[in-house]
């Protein structure tokens, strides 16, 4: 969408909570139709703003706004293809089961795996891997969903998973409740008013590991470093920090005779500090990204305030 006539892109990110490489990838874009808004908060705050803008139907219609992260159903549907492709690569004939482990923050990718399973793909386990922000792991282990406040959200070395309110989780819970919209609304009203809900001991919770095949686990910074070192020593490959979380947790849920596919999620070059700590050298990076951190950066620091973001959008759309 860079430089495209009639299109304005507003990208929200948590101010000073991405790696230097990630920040440079976004903020070095100089195209006048691209607006980087660095929000003084965490990822959940950015996502709450996007949802609030989308829920203002009059504003959304007037400004002709769409979303392109996994809040958008089209993004999740596109990711369903990964699971069919992965299954085909990991099997030799029909009916064979495969497990998938997904480093998860916003629950979009693993939600696509859940959809693929509902479509009939023979998936054994869907493994949700979290970092220290372990809201999802806590839910799948205990049935208790307890959203963390911004001050309780850790800034970690796998920052794309520094999320405490996964937007696609509601889609999964909708299916878990037998697609009962009334029950879903009641549960998420409890999230807004009480900070969470508890399904432990309910038939719905029993469905999670049984019918739906979900398990989970948690990874820490030390786990990431150890896993990156291990894969480098064993196989001569370098993985990024989020993939390391996935491999660490996947190893805890292996079943004899069932292939486990871990979804790799990012370039190691994005997280050079941790790669240097683990391996003692810089990660390889594509030639096109050499020196990207030294490029001029163009962005606006914004308060964590929906009205200010909406005013900025309205002032820069030309509509």
C-alpha atoms as a PDB file:
ATOM      1  CA  UNK A   1       0.000   0.000   0.000  1.00  0.00           C
ATOM      2  CA  UNK A   2       3.025   2.307   0.037  1.00  0.00           C
ATOM      3  CA  UNK A   3       2.503   5.268  -2.250  1.00  0.00           C
ATOM      4  CA  UNK A   4      -0.913   4.072  -3.412  1.00  0.00           C
ATOM      5  CA  UNK A   5      -3.273   6.836  -4.416  1.00  0.00           C
ATOM      6  CA  UNK A   6      -6.488   7.054  -2.387  1.00  0.00           C
ATOM      7  CA  UNK A   7      -5.170   4.861   0.457  1.00  0.00           C
ATOM      8  CA  UNK A   8      -3.977   6.047   3.878  1.00  0.00           C
ATOM      9  CA  UNK A   9      -2.405   3.578   6.316  1.00  0.00           C
ATOM     10  CA  UNK A  10      -2.338   4.260  10.067  1.00  0.00           C
ATOM     11  CA  UNK A  11      -0.117   1.799  11.935  1.00  0.00           C
ATOM     12  CA  UNK A  12      -0.341   1.703  15.723  1.00  0.00           C
ATOM     13  CA  UNK A  13       2.517   0.269  17.763  1.00  0.00           C
ATOM     14  CA  UNK A  14       3.513   0.431  21.451  1.00  0.00           C
ATOM     15  CA  UNK A  15       6.045   3.232  21.933  1.00  0.00           C
ATOM     16  CA  UNK A  16       9.552   1.903  22.732  1.00  0.00           C
ATOM     17  CA  UNK A  17       8.330  -1.680  23.130  1.00  0.00           C
ATOM     18  CA  UNK A  18       9.579  -3.191  19.871  1.00  0.00           C
ATOM     19  CA  UNK A  19      13.071  -4.256  18.896  1.00  0.00           C
ATOM     20  CA  UNK A  20      15.288  -1.747  17.083  1.00  0.00           C
ATOM     21  CA  UNK A  21      14.902  -3.734  13.846  1.00  0.00           C
ATOM     22  CA  UNK A  22      11.099  -3.923  14.105  1.00  0.00           C
ATOM     23  CA  UNK A  23      10.923  -0.207  14.866  1.00  0.00           C
ATOM     24  CA  UNK A  24      13.137   0.642  11.903  1.00  0.00           C
ATOM     25  CA  UNK A  25      11.100  -1.576   9.549  1.00  0.00           C
ATOM     26  CA  UNK A  26       8.008   0.454  10.347  1.00  0.00           C
ATOM     27  CA  UNK A  27       9.263   3.942  11.120  1.00  0.00           C
ATOM     28  CA  UNK A  28      11.734   4.235   8.220  1.00  0.00           C
ATOM     29  CA  UNK A  29       8.871   4.264   5.701  1.00  0.00           C
ATOM     30  CA  UNK A  30       8.823   7.755   4.204  1.00  0.00           C
ATOM     31  CA  UNK A  31       5.781   7.454   1.953  1.00  0.00           C
ATOM     32  CA  UNK A  32       3.371  10.307   2.706  1.00  0.00           C
ATOM     33  CA  UNK A  33       0.363   7.963   2.808  1.00  0.00           C
ATOM     34  CA  UNK A  34       1.867   5.875   5.652  1.00  0.00           C
ATOM     35  CA  UNK A  35       1.416   7.143   9.224  1.00  0.00           C
ATOM     36  CA  UNK A  36       3.196   5.427  12.117  1.00  0.00           C
ATOM     37  CA  UNK A  37       1.559   6.196  15.446  1.00  0.00           C
ATOM     38  CA  UNK A  38       3.651   5.195  18.475  1.00  0.00           C
ATOM     39  CA  UNK A  39       1.142   4.867  21.307  1.00  0.00           C
ATOM     40  CA  UNK A  40       2.256   5.452  24.889  1.00  0.00           C
ATOM     41  CA  UNK A  41       1.146   2.059  26.152  1.00  0.00           C
ATOM     42  CA  UNK A  42       1.370  -1.655  25.384  1.00  0.00           C
ATOM     43  CA  UNK A  43       0.094  -3.677  22.421  1.00  0.00           C
ATOM     44  CA  UNK A  44      -3.239  -4.282  24.140  1.00  0.00           C
ATOM     45  CA  UNK A  45      -3.771  -0.522  24.315  1.00  0.00           C
ATOM     46  CA  UNK A  46      -3.136  -0.209  20.564  1.00  0.00           C
ATOM     47  CA  UNK A  47      -5.566  -3.001  19.866  1.00  0.00           C
ATOM     48  CA  UNK A  48      -8.219  -1.497  22.155  1.00  0.00           C
ATOM     49  CA  UNK A  49      -7.940   1.754  20.176  1.00  0.00           C
ATOM     50  CA  UNK A  50      -8.314  -0.065  16.849  1.00  0.00           C
ATOM     51  CA  UNK A  51     -11.419  -1.852  18.178  1.00  0.00           C
ATOM     52  CA  UNK A  52     -12.878   1.388  19.519  1.00  0.00           C
ATOM     53  CA  UNK A  53     -12.383   3.091  16.152  1.00  0.00           C
ATOM     54  CA  UNK A  54     -13.965   0.134  14.358  1.00  0.00           C
ATOM     55  CA  UNK A  55     -16.916   0.097  16.761  1.00  0.00           C
ATOM     56  CA  UNK A  56     -17.738   3.725  15.994  1.00  0.00           C
ATOM     57  CA  UNK A  57     -19.709   2.799  12.900  1.00  0.00           C
ATOM     58  CA  UNK A  58     -20.479   6.365  11.850  1.00  0.00           C
ATOM     59  CA  UNK A  59     -16.805   7.383  12.043  1.00  0.00           C
ATOM     60  CA  UNK A  60     -15.677   4.151  10.386  1.00  0.00           C
ATOM     61  CA  UNK A  61     -18.112   4.634   7.491  1.00  0.00           C
ATOM     62  CA  UNK A  62     -17.242   8.300   7.014  1.00  0.00           C
ATOM     63  CA  UNK A  63     -13.494   7.640   6.979  1.00  0.00           C
ATOM     64  CA  UNK A  64     -13.847   4.322   5.086  1.00  0.00           C
ATOM     65  CA  UNK A  65     -11.765   2.392   7.602  1.00  0.00           C
ATOM     66  CA  UNK A  66     -10.765  -1.262   7.449  1.00  0.00           C
ATOM     67  CA  UNK A  67      -8.356  -3.283   9.607  1.00  0.00           C
ATOM     68  CA  UNK A  68      -5.563  -5.535   8.378  1.00  0.00           C
ATOM     69  CA  UNK A  69      -4.354  -7.363  11.489  1.00  0.00           C
ATOM     70  CA  UNK A  70      -6.010 -10.518  12.814  1.00  0.00           C
ATOM     71  CA  UNK A  71      -9.008  -8.573  14.130  1.00  0.00           C
ATOM     72  CA  UNK A  72     -10.003  -8.878  10.474  1.00  0.00           C
ATOM     73  CA  UNK A  73     -11.623 -12.234   9.711  1.00  0.00           C
ATOM     74  CA  UNK A  74      -9.977 -12.308   6.265  1.00  0.00           C
ATOM     75  CA  UNK A  75      -6.518 -12.443   7.877  1.00  0.00           C
ATOM     76  CA  UNK A  76      -7.493 -15.484   9.955  1.00  0.00           C
ATOM     77  CA  UNK A  77      -9.065 -17.263   6.978  1.00  0.00           C
ATOM     78  CA  UNK A  78      -5.881 -16.779   4.940  1.00  0.00           C
ATOM     79  CA  UNK A  79      -3.845 -18.427   7.711  1.00  0.00           C
ATOM     80  CA  UNK A  80      -5.979 -21.587   7.583  1.00  0.00           C
ATOM     81  CA  UNK A  81      -4.011 -22.502   4.447  1.00  0.00           C
ATOM     82  CA  UNK A  82      -0.809 -22.884   6.532  1.00  0.00           C
ATOM     83  CA  UNK A  83      -2.259 -25.882   8.353  1.00  0.00           C
ATOM     84  CA  UNK A  84      -3.349 -27.753   5.250  1.00  0.00           C
ATOM     85  CA  UNK A  85       0.048 -27.117   3.639  1.00  0.00           C
ATOM     86  CA  UNK A  86       1.863 -28.163   6.820  1.00  0.00           C
ATOM     87  CA  UNK A  87      -0.212 -31.335   7.090  1.00  0.00           C
ATOM     88  CA  UNK A  88       0.556 -32.252   3.472  1.00  0.00           C
ATOM     89  CA  UNK A  89       4.292 -31.781   4.055  1.00  0.00           C
ATOM     90  CA  UNK A  90       4.324 -33.816   7.268  1.00  0.00           C
ATOM     91  CA  UNK A  91       2.263 -36.830   6.139  1.00  0.00           C
ATOM     92  CA  UNK A  92       2.365 -39.513   3.456  1.00  0.00           C
ATOM     93  CA  UNK A  93      -1.297 -40.489   3.233  1.00  0.00           C
ATOM     94  CA  UNK A  94      -4.861 -39.687   4.264  1.00  0.00           C
ATOM     95  CA  UNK A  95      -6.060 -39.823   7.867  1.00  0.00           C
ATOM     96  CA  UNK A  96      -2.656 -39.338   9.504  1.00  0.00           C
ATOM     97  CA  UNK A  97      -2.636 -36.947  12.436  1.00  0.00           C
ATOM     98  CA  UNK A  98      -0.291 -33.999  12.905  1.00  0.00           C
ATOM     99  CA  UNK A  99       0.105 -31.652  15.884  1.00  0.00           C
ATOM    100  CA  UNK A 100       0.863 -27.949  15.519  1.00  0.00           C
ATOM    101  CA  UNK A 101       2.508 -25.630  18.019  1.00  0.00           C
ATOM    102  CA  UNK A 102       1.984 -21.906  17.569  1.00  0.00           C
ATOM    103  CA  UNK A 103       3.776 -19.076  19.429  1.00  0.00           C
ATOM    104  CA  UNK A 104       0.680 -17.114  20.321  1.00  0.00           C
ATOM    105  CA  UNK A 105      -0.084 -13.578  21.409  1.00  0.00           C
ATOM    106  CA  UNK A 106      -3.263 -12.459  19.679  1.00  0.00           C
ATOM    107  CA  UNK A 107      -4.555 -16.030  19.127  1.00  0.00           C
ATOM    108  CA  UNK A 108      -5.121 -15.365  15.413  1.00  0.00           C
ATOM    109  CA  UNK A 109      -2.811 -17.966  13.902  1.00  0.00           C
ATOM    110  CA  UNK A 110      -3.764 -20.800  16.258  1.00  0.00           C
ATOM    111  CA  UNK A 111      -7.426 -19.823  15.813  1.00  0.00           C
ATOM    112  CA  UNK A 112      -6.880 -20.537  12.116  1.00  0.00           C
ATOM    113  CA  UNK A 113      -5.588 -23.977  13.143  1.00  0.00           C
ATOM    114  CA  UNK A 114      -8.742 -24.503  15.186  1.00  0.00           C
ATOM    115  CA  UNK A 115     -10.819 -23.598  12.110  1.00  0.00           C
ATOM    116  CA  UNK A 116      -8.801 -26.027   9.959  1.00  0.00           C
ATOM    117  CA  UNK A 117      -9.507 -28.768  12.523  1.00  0.00           C
ATOM    118  CA  UNK A 118     -13.231 -27.966  12.424  1.00  0.00           C
ATOM    119  CA  UNK A 119     -13.054 -28.209   8.630  1.00  0.00           C
ATOM    120  CA  UNK A 120     -11.880 -31.805   8.994  1.00  0.00           C
ATOM    121  CA  UNK A 121      -8.080 -31.585   8.925  1.00  0.00           C
ATOM    122  CA  UNK A 122      -6.816 -34.479  11.120  1.00  0.00           C
ATOM    123  CA  UNK A 123      -5.015 -32.447  13.783  1.00  0.00           C
ATOM    124  CA  UNK A 124      -4.068 -34.248  17.002  1.00  0.00           C
ATOM    125  CA  UNK A 125      -3.072 -31.336  19.263  1.00  0.00           C
ATOM    126  CA  UNK A 126      -3.058 -27.584  18.889  1.00  0.00           C
ATOM    127  CA  UNK A 127      -0.344 -26.355  21.226  1.00  0.00           C
ATOM    128  CA  UNK A 128      -0.505 -22.734  22.397  1.00  0.00           C
ATOM    129  CA  UNK A 129       2.926 -21.391  23.368  1.00  0.00           C
ATOM    130  CA  UNK A 130       3.114 -18.160  25.374  1.00  0.00           C
ATOM    131  CA  UNK A 131       5.951 -16.132  26.839  1.00  0.00           C
ATOM    132  CA  UNK A 132       5.882 -14.577  30.319  1.00  0.00           C
ATOM    133  CA  UNK A 133       2.564 -12.951  29.359  1.00  0.00           C
ATOM    134  CA  UNK A 134       0.797 -16.241  30.015  1.00  0.00           C
ATOM    135  CA  UNK A 135      -2.912 -15.371  30.091  1.00  0.00           C
ATOM    136  CA  UNK A 136      -3.690 -17.990  27.433  1.00  0.00           C
ATOM    137  CA  UNK A 137      -1.538 -20.685  29.041  1.00  0.00           C
ATOM    138  CA  UNK A 138      -3.281 -20.059  32.356  1.00  0.00           C
ATOM    139  CA  UNK A 139      -6.681 -20.446  30.701  1.00  0.00           C
ATOM    140  CA  UNK A 140      -5.882 -23.680  28.884  1.00  0.00           C
ATOM    141  CA  UNK A 141      -4.305 -25.170  32.008  1.00  0.00           C
ATOM    142  CA  UNK A 142      -6.930 -24.066  34.547  1.00  0.00           C
ATOM    143  CA  UNK A 143     -10.046 -22.755  32.783  1.00  0.00           C
ATOM    144  CA  UNK A 144      -9.579 -19.324  34.352  1.00  0.00           C
ATOM    145  CA  UNK A 145      -9.265 -16.387  31.950  1.00  0.00           C
ATOM    146  CA  UNK A 146      -7.767 -13.426  33.785  1.00  0.00           C
ATOM    147  CA  UNK A 147      -6.884 -10.380  31.691  1.00  0.00           C
ATOM    148  CA  UNK A 148      -3.826  -8.460  32.895  1.00  0.00           C
ATOM    149  CA  UNK A 149      -3.725  -4.692  33.146  1.00  0.00           C
ATOM    150  CA  UNK A 150      -1.182  -2.717  31.121  1.00  0.00           C
ATOM    151  CA  UNK A 151       1.100  -2.372  34.149  1.00  0.00           C
ATOM    152  CA  UNK A 152       1.084  -6.179  34.546  1.00  0.00           C
ATOM    153  CA  UNK A 153       2.084  -6.870  30.931  1.00  0.00           C
ATOM    154  CA  UNK A 154       5.766  -7.760  30.672  1.00  0.00           C
ATOM    155  CA  UNK A 155       8.068  -6.335  27.994  1.00  0.00           C
ATOM    156  CA  UNK A 156       9.945  -9.450  26.855  1.00  0.00           C
ATOM    157  CA  UNK A 157      12.474 -10.625  24.292  1.00  0.00           C
ATOM    158  CA  UNK A 158       9.595 -12.098  22.230  1.00  0.00           C
ATOM    159  CA  UNK A 159       7.703  -8.797  22.079  1.00  0.00           C
ATOM    160  CA  UNK A 160       5.101  -9.712  19.461  1.00  0.00           C
ATOM    161  CA  UNK A 161       3.577 -11.968  22.134  1.00  0.00           C
ATOM    162  CA  UNK A 162       3.466  -9.281  24.828  1.00  0.00           C
ATOM    163  CA  UNK A 163      -0.328  -9.378  24.771  1.00  0.00           C
ATOM    164  CA  UNK A 164      -2.807  -9.934  27.589  1.00  0.00           C
ATOM    165  CA  UNK A 165      -6.103  -9.525  25.697  1.00  0.00           C
ATOM    166  CA  UNK A 166      -6.030 -11.740  22.611  1.00  0.00           C
ATOM    167  CA  UNK A 167      -8.700 -10.455  20.234  1.00  0.00           C
ATOM    168  CA  UNK A 168      -9.294 -13.774  18.460  1.00  0.00           C
ATOM    169  CA  UNK A 169      -9.835 -15.629  21.722  1.00  0.00           C
ATOM    170  CA  UNK A 170     -13.495 -14.550  21.576  1.00  0.00           C
ATOM    171  CA  UNK A 171     -13.872 -16.437  18.290  1.00  0.00           C
ATOM    172  CA  UNK A 172     -12.643 -19.641  19.930  1.00  0.00           C
ATOM    173  CA  UNK A 173     -14.852 -19.185  23.002  1.00  0.00           C
ATOM    174  CA  UNK A 174     -17.854 -18.670  20.686  1.00  0.00           C
ATOM    175  CA  UNK A 175     -17.262 -22.164  19.268  1.00  0.00           C
ATOM    176  CA  UNK A 176     -16.539 -23.592  22.726  1.00  0.00           C
ATOM    177  CA  UNK A 177     -19.967 -22.337  23.898  1.00  0.00           C
ATOM    178  CA  UNK A 178     -21.718 -24.038  20.993  1.00  0.00           C
ATOM    179  CA  UNK A 179     -21.875 -20.720  19.117  1.00  0.00           C
ATOM    180  CA  UNK A 180     -24.248 -19.285  21.725  1.00  0.00           C
ATOM    181  CA  UNK A 181     -23.882 -15.520  21.248  1.00  0.00           C
ATOM    182  CA  UNK A 182     -25.797 -14.712  24.440  1.00  0.00           C
ATOM    183  CA  UNK A 183     -23.425 -16.767  26.602  1.00  0.00           C
ATOM    184  CA  UNK A 184     -20.451 -15.196  24.823  1.00  0.00           C
ATOM    185  CA  UNK A 185     -21.692 -11.668  25.537  1.00  0.00           C
ATOM    186  CA  UNK A 186     -22.230 -12.557  29.210  1.00  0.00           C
ATOM    187  CA  UNK A 187     -18.723 -13.977  29.611  1.00  0.00           C
ATOM    188  CA  UNK A 188     -17.015 -11.016  28.006  1.00  0.00           C
ATOM    189  CA  UNK A 189     -19.152  -8.641  30.018  1.00  0.00           C
ATOM    190  CA  UNK A 190     -17.473 -10.315  33.010  1.00  0.00           C
ATOM    191  CA  UNK A 191     -14.116  -9.600  31.377  1.00  0.00           C
ATOM    192  CA  UNK A 192     -14.979  -5.893  31.177  1.00  0.00           C
ATOM    193  CA  UNK A 193     -16.524  -5.677  34.646  1.00  0.00           C
ATOM    194  CA  UNK A 194     -14.615  -8.274  36.693  1.00  0.00           C
ATOM    195  CA  UNK A 195     -11.394  -8.786  34.733  1.00  0.00           C
ATOM    196  CA  UNK A 196     -12.123 -12.307  33.526  1.00  0.00           C
ATOM    197  CA  UNK A 197     -14.169 -15.493  33.867  1.00  0.00           C
ATOM    198  CA  UNK A 198     -13.681 -19.084  35.021  1.00  0.00           C
ATOM    199  CA  UNK A 199     -14.819 -22.182  33.093  1.00  0.00           C
ATOM    200  CA  UNK A 200     -13.016 -24.703  35.317  1.00  0.00           C
ATOM    201  CA  UNK A 201     -15.162 -27.729  36.159  1.00  0.00           C
ATOM    202  CA  UNK A 202     -17.624 -27.024  33.337  1.00  0.00           C
ATOM    203  CA  UNK A 203     -18.468 -29.255  30.354  1.00  0.00           C
ATOM    204  CA  UNK A 204     -17.072 -26.482  28.111  1.00  0.00           C
ATOM    205  CA  UNK A 205     -13.676 -26.755  29.756  1.00  0.00           C
ATOM    206  CA  UNK A 206     -13.676 -30.529  29.225  1.00  0.00           C
ATOM    207  CA  UNK A 207     -14.171 -29.923  25.496  1.00  0.00           C
ATOM    208  CA  UNK A 208     -10.924 -27.923  25.265  1.00  0.00           C
ATOM    209  CA  UNK A 209      -8.536 -30.854  25.572  1.00  0.00           C
ATOM    210  CA  UNK A 210     -10.969 -33.438  24.296  1.00  0.00           C
ATOM    211  CA  UNK A 211     -13.001 -32.412  21.284  1.00  0.00           C
ATOM    212  CA  UNK A 212     -10.882 -29.346  20.436  1.00  0.00           C
ATOM    213  CA  UNK A 213      -7.453 -30.819  21.256  1.00  0.00           C
ATOM    214  CA  UNK A 214      -5.866 -27.738  22.858  1.00  0.00           C
ATOM    215  CA  UNK A 215      -2.898 -27.833  25.244  1.00  0.00           C
ATOM    216  CA  UNK A 216      -0.466 -25.077  26.206  1.00  0.00           C
ATOM    217  CA  UNK A 217       2.786 -24.067  27.831  1.00  0.00           C
ATOM    218  CA  UNK A 218       4.913 -21.114  28.855  1.00  0.00           C
ATOM    219  CA  UNK A 219       8.443 -20.043  27.939  1.00  0.00           C
ATOM    220  CA  UNK A 220      10.784 -17.514  29.581  1.00  0.00           C
ATOM    221  CA  UNK A 221      13.753 -15.480  28.379  1.00  0.00           C
ATOM    222  CA  UNK A 222      16.172 -18.119  29.708  1.00  0.00           C
ATOM    223  CA  UNK A 223      14.193 -20.815  27.871  1.00  0.00           C
ATOM    224  CA  UNK A 224      14.427 -18.811  24.639  1.00  0.00           C
ATOM    225  CA  UNK A 225      18.189 -18.387  24.930  1.00  0.00           C
ATOM    226  CA  UNK A 226      18.690 -22.089  25.738  1.00  0.00           C
ATOM    227  CA  UNK A 227      16.480 -23.221  22.837  1.00  0.00           C
ATOM    228  CA  UNK A 228      18.206 -20.919  20.324  1.00  0.00           C
ATOM    229  CA  UNK A 229      21.581 -22.312  21.437  1.00  0.00           C
ATOM    230  CA  UNK A 230      20.349 -25.902  21.275  1.00  0.00           C
ATOM    231  CA  UNK A 231      18.999 -25.664  17.721  1.00  0.00           C
ATOM    232  CA  UNK A 232      22.149 -23.904  16.567  1.00  0.00           C
ATOM    233  CA  UNK A 233      24.347 -26.629  18.070  1.00  0.00           C
ATOM    234  CA  UNK A 234      22.223 -29.555  16.872  1.00  0.00           C
ATOM    235  CA  UNK A 235      21.154 -28.388  13.418  1.00  0.00           C
ATOM    236  CA  UNK A 236      23.224 -25.328  12.533  1.00  0.00           C
ATOM    237  CA  UNK A 237      20.130 -23.117  12.191  1.00  0.00           C
ATOM    238  CA  UNK A 238      19.214 -19.859  13.866  1.00  0.00           C
ATOM    239  CA  UNK A 239      15.636 -19.282  15.016  1.00  0.00           C
ATOM    240  CA  UNK A 240      13.985 -16.149  16.343  1.00  0.00           C
ATOM    241  CA  UNK A 241      12.796 -15.681  19.909  1.00  0.00           C
ATOM    242  CA  UNK A 242       9.101 -16.388  19.245  1.00  0.00           C
ATOM    243  CA  UNK A 243       9.873 -19.613  17.376  1.00  0.00           C
ATOM    244  CA  UNK A 244      12.090 -20.575  20.321  1.00  0.00           C
ATOM    245  CA  UNK A 245       9.079 -20.206  22.622  1.00  0.00           C
ATOM    246  CA  UNK A 246       7.148 -22.504  20.282  1.00  0.00           C
ATOM    247  CA  UNK A 247       9.855 -25.187  20.139  1.00  0.00           C
ATOM    248  CA  UNK A 248      10.338 -25.154  23.901  1.00  0.00           C
ATOM    249  CA  UNK A 249       6.624 -25.727  24.527  1.00  0.00           C
ATOM    250  CA  UNK A 250       6.215 -28.177  21.617  1.00  0.00           C
ATOM    251  CA  UNK A 251       8.830 -30.458  23.152  1.00  0.00           C
ATOM    252  CA  UNK A 252       6.636 -30.738  26.251  1.00  0.00           C
ATOM    253  CA  UNK A 253       3.710 -32.110  24.223  1.00  0.00           C
ATOM    254  CA  UNK A 254       5.229 -34.642  21.823  1.00  0.00           C
ATOM    255  CA  UNK A 255       3.346 -37.884  21.163  1.00  0.00           C
ATOM    256  CA  UNK A 256       4.946 -41.013  19.706  1.00  0.00           C
ATOM    257  CA  UNK A 257       4.238 -41.390  16.010  1.00  0.00           C
ATOM    258  CA  UNK A 258       2.608 -37.964  15.628  1.00  0.00           C
ATOM    259  CA  UNK A 259       4.649 -35.287  13.803  1.00  0.00           C
ATOM    260  CA  UNK A 260       4.788 -31.918  15.560  1.00  0.00           C
ATOM    261  CA  UNK A 261       4.959 -28.835  13.319  1.00  0.00           C
ATOM    262  CA  UNK A 262       6.114 -25.605  14.985  1.00  0.00           C
ATOM    263  CA  UNK A 263       5.135 -22.483  13.095  1.00  0.00           C
ATOM    264  CA  UNK A 264       8.141 -20.204  12.616  1.00  0.00           C
ATOM    265  CA  UNK A 265       6.999 -16.618  12.957  1.00  0.00           C
ATOM    266  CA  UNK A 266       9.780 -14.093  12.343  1.00  0.00           C
ATOM    267  CA  UNK A 267      13.300 -13.399  11.122  1.00  0.00           C
ATOM    268  CA  UNK A 268      16.039 -13.826  13.773  1.00  0.00           C
ATOM    269  CA  UNK A 269      17.446 -10.482  12.550  1.00  0.00           C
ATOM    270  CA  UNK A 270      14.540  -8.704  14.216  1.00  0.00           C
ATOM    271  CA  UNK A 271      15.782  -9.738  17.658  1.00  0.00           C
ATOM    272  CA  UNK A 272      19.538  -9.302  17.423  1.00  0.00           C
ATOM    273  CA  UNK A 273      20.099  -8.586  21.134  1.00  0.00           C
ATOM    274  CA  UNK A 274      18.850 -12.023  22.178  1.00  0.00           C
ATOM    275  CA  UNK A 275      20.592 -13.809  19.288  1.00  0.00           C
ATOM    276  CA  UNK A 276      23.887 -12.185  20.332  1.00  0.00           C
ATOM    277  CA  UNK A 277      23.278 -13.273  23.925  1.00  0.00           C
ATOM    278  CA  UNK A 278      22.541 -16.841  22.862  1.00  0.00           C
ATOM    279  CA  UNK A 279      25.113 -17.362  20.100  1.00  0.00           C
ATOM    280  CA  UNK A 280      27.708 -14.630  20.541  1.00  0.00           C
ATOM    281  CA  UNK A 281      27.320 -13.225  17.020  1.00  0.00           C
ATOM    282  CA  UNK A 282      24.973 -11.144  14.931  1.00  0.00           C
ATOM    283  CA  UNK A 283      22.084 -12.922  13.200  1.00  0.00           C
ATOM    284  CA  UNK A 284      22.106 -13.100   9.433  1.00  0.00           C
ATOM    285  CA  UNK A 285      19.864 -10.552   7.769  1.00  0.00           C
ATOM    286  CA  UNK A 286      18.618 -10.114   4.195  1.00  0.00           C
ATOM    287  CA  UNK A 287      20.763  -7.710   2.194  1.00  0.00           C
ATOM    288  CA  UNK A 288      17.832  -5.342   1.705  1.00  0.00           C
ATOM    289  CA  UNK A 289      17.748  -4.707   5.454  1.00  0.00           C
ATOM    290  CA  UNK A 290      21.424  -3.907   5.996  1.00  0.00           C
ATOM    291  CA  UNK A 291      21.762  -0.678   7.971  1.00  0.00           C
ATOM    292  CA  UNK A 292      17.995  -0.230   8.308  1.00  0.00           C
ATOM    293  CA  UNK A 293      18.338   1.063  11.871  1.00  0.00           C
ATOM    294  CA  UNK A 294      20.361   4.057  10.587  1.00  0.00           C
ATOM    295  CA  UNK A 295      17.679   5.247   8.173  1.00  0.00           C
ATOM    296  CA  UNK A 296      15.661   8.374   9.030  1.00  0.00           C
ATOM    297  CA  UNK A 297      12.496   7.540  10.935  1.00  0.00           C
ATOM    298  CA  UNK A 298       9.107   9.177  10.579  1.00  0.00           C
ATOM    299  CA  UNK A 299       6.492   8.668  13.305  1.00  0.00           C
ATOM    300  CA  UNK A 300       4.166  10.441  15.733  1.00  0.00           C
ATOM    301  CA  UNK A 301       4.129   9.723  19.470  1.00  0.00           C
ATOM    302  CA  UNK A 302       0.493   9.626  20.570  1.00  0.00           C
ATOM    303  CA  UNK A 303      -1.224   9.449  23.945  1.00  0.00           C
ATOM    304  CA  UNK A 304      -3.210   6.320  24.753  1.00  0.00           C
ATOM    305  CA  UNK A 305      -6.419   8.148  23.863  1.00  0.00           C
ATOM    306  CA  UNK A 306      -9.029   7.061  21.309  1.00  0.00           C
ATOM    307  CA  UNK A 307     -10.296  10.578  20.653  1.00  0.00           C
ATOM    308  CA  UNK A 308      -6.811  11.857  19.822  1.00  0.00           C
ATOM    309  CA  UNK A 309      -6.176   8.956  17.444  1.00  0.00           C
ATOM    310  CA  UNK A 310      -9.524   9.519  15.730  1.00  0.00           C
ATOM    311  CA  UNK A 311      -8.779  13.236  15.390  1.00  0.00           C
ATOM    312  CA  UNK A 312      -5.397  12.418  13.831  1.00  0.00           C
ATOM    313  CA  UNK A 313      -7.002   9.996  11.356  1.00  0.00           C
ATOM    314  CA  UNK A 314      -9.715  12.495  10.433  1.00  0.00           C
ATOM    315  CA  UNK A 315      -7.079  15.175   9.883  1.00  0.00           C
ATOM    316  CA  UNK A 316      -4.971  13.057   7.555  1.00  0.00           C
ATOM    317  CA  UNK A 317      -7.393  11.109   5.375  1.00  0.00           C
ATOM    318  CA  UNK A 318      -8.371  13.925   3.043  1.00  0.00           C
ATOM    319  CA  UNK A 319     -11.969  12.727   3.254  1.00  0.00           C
END
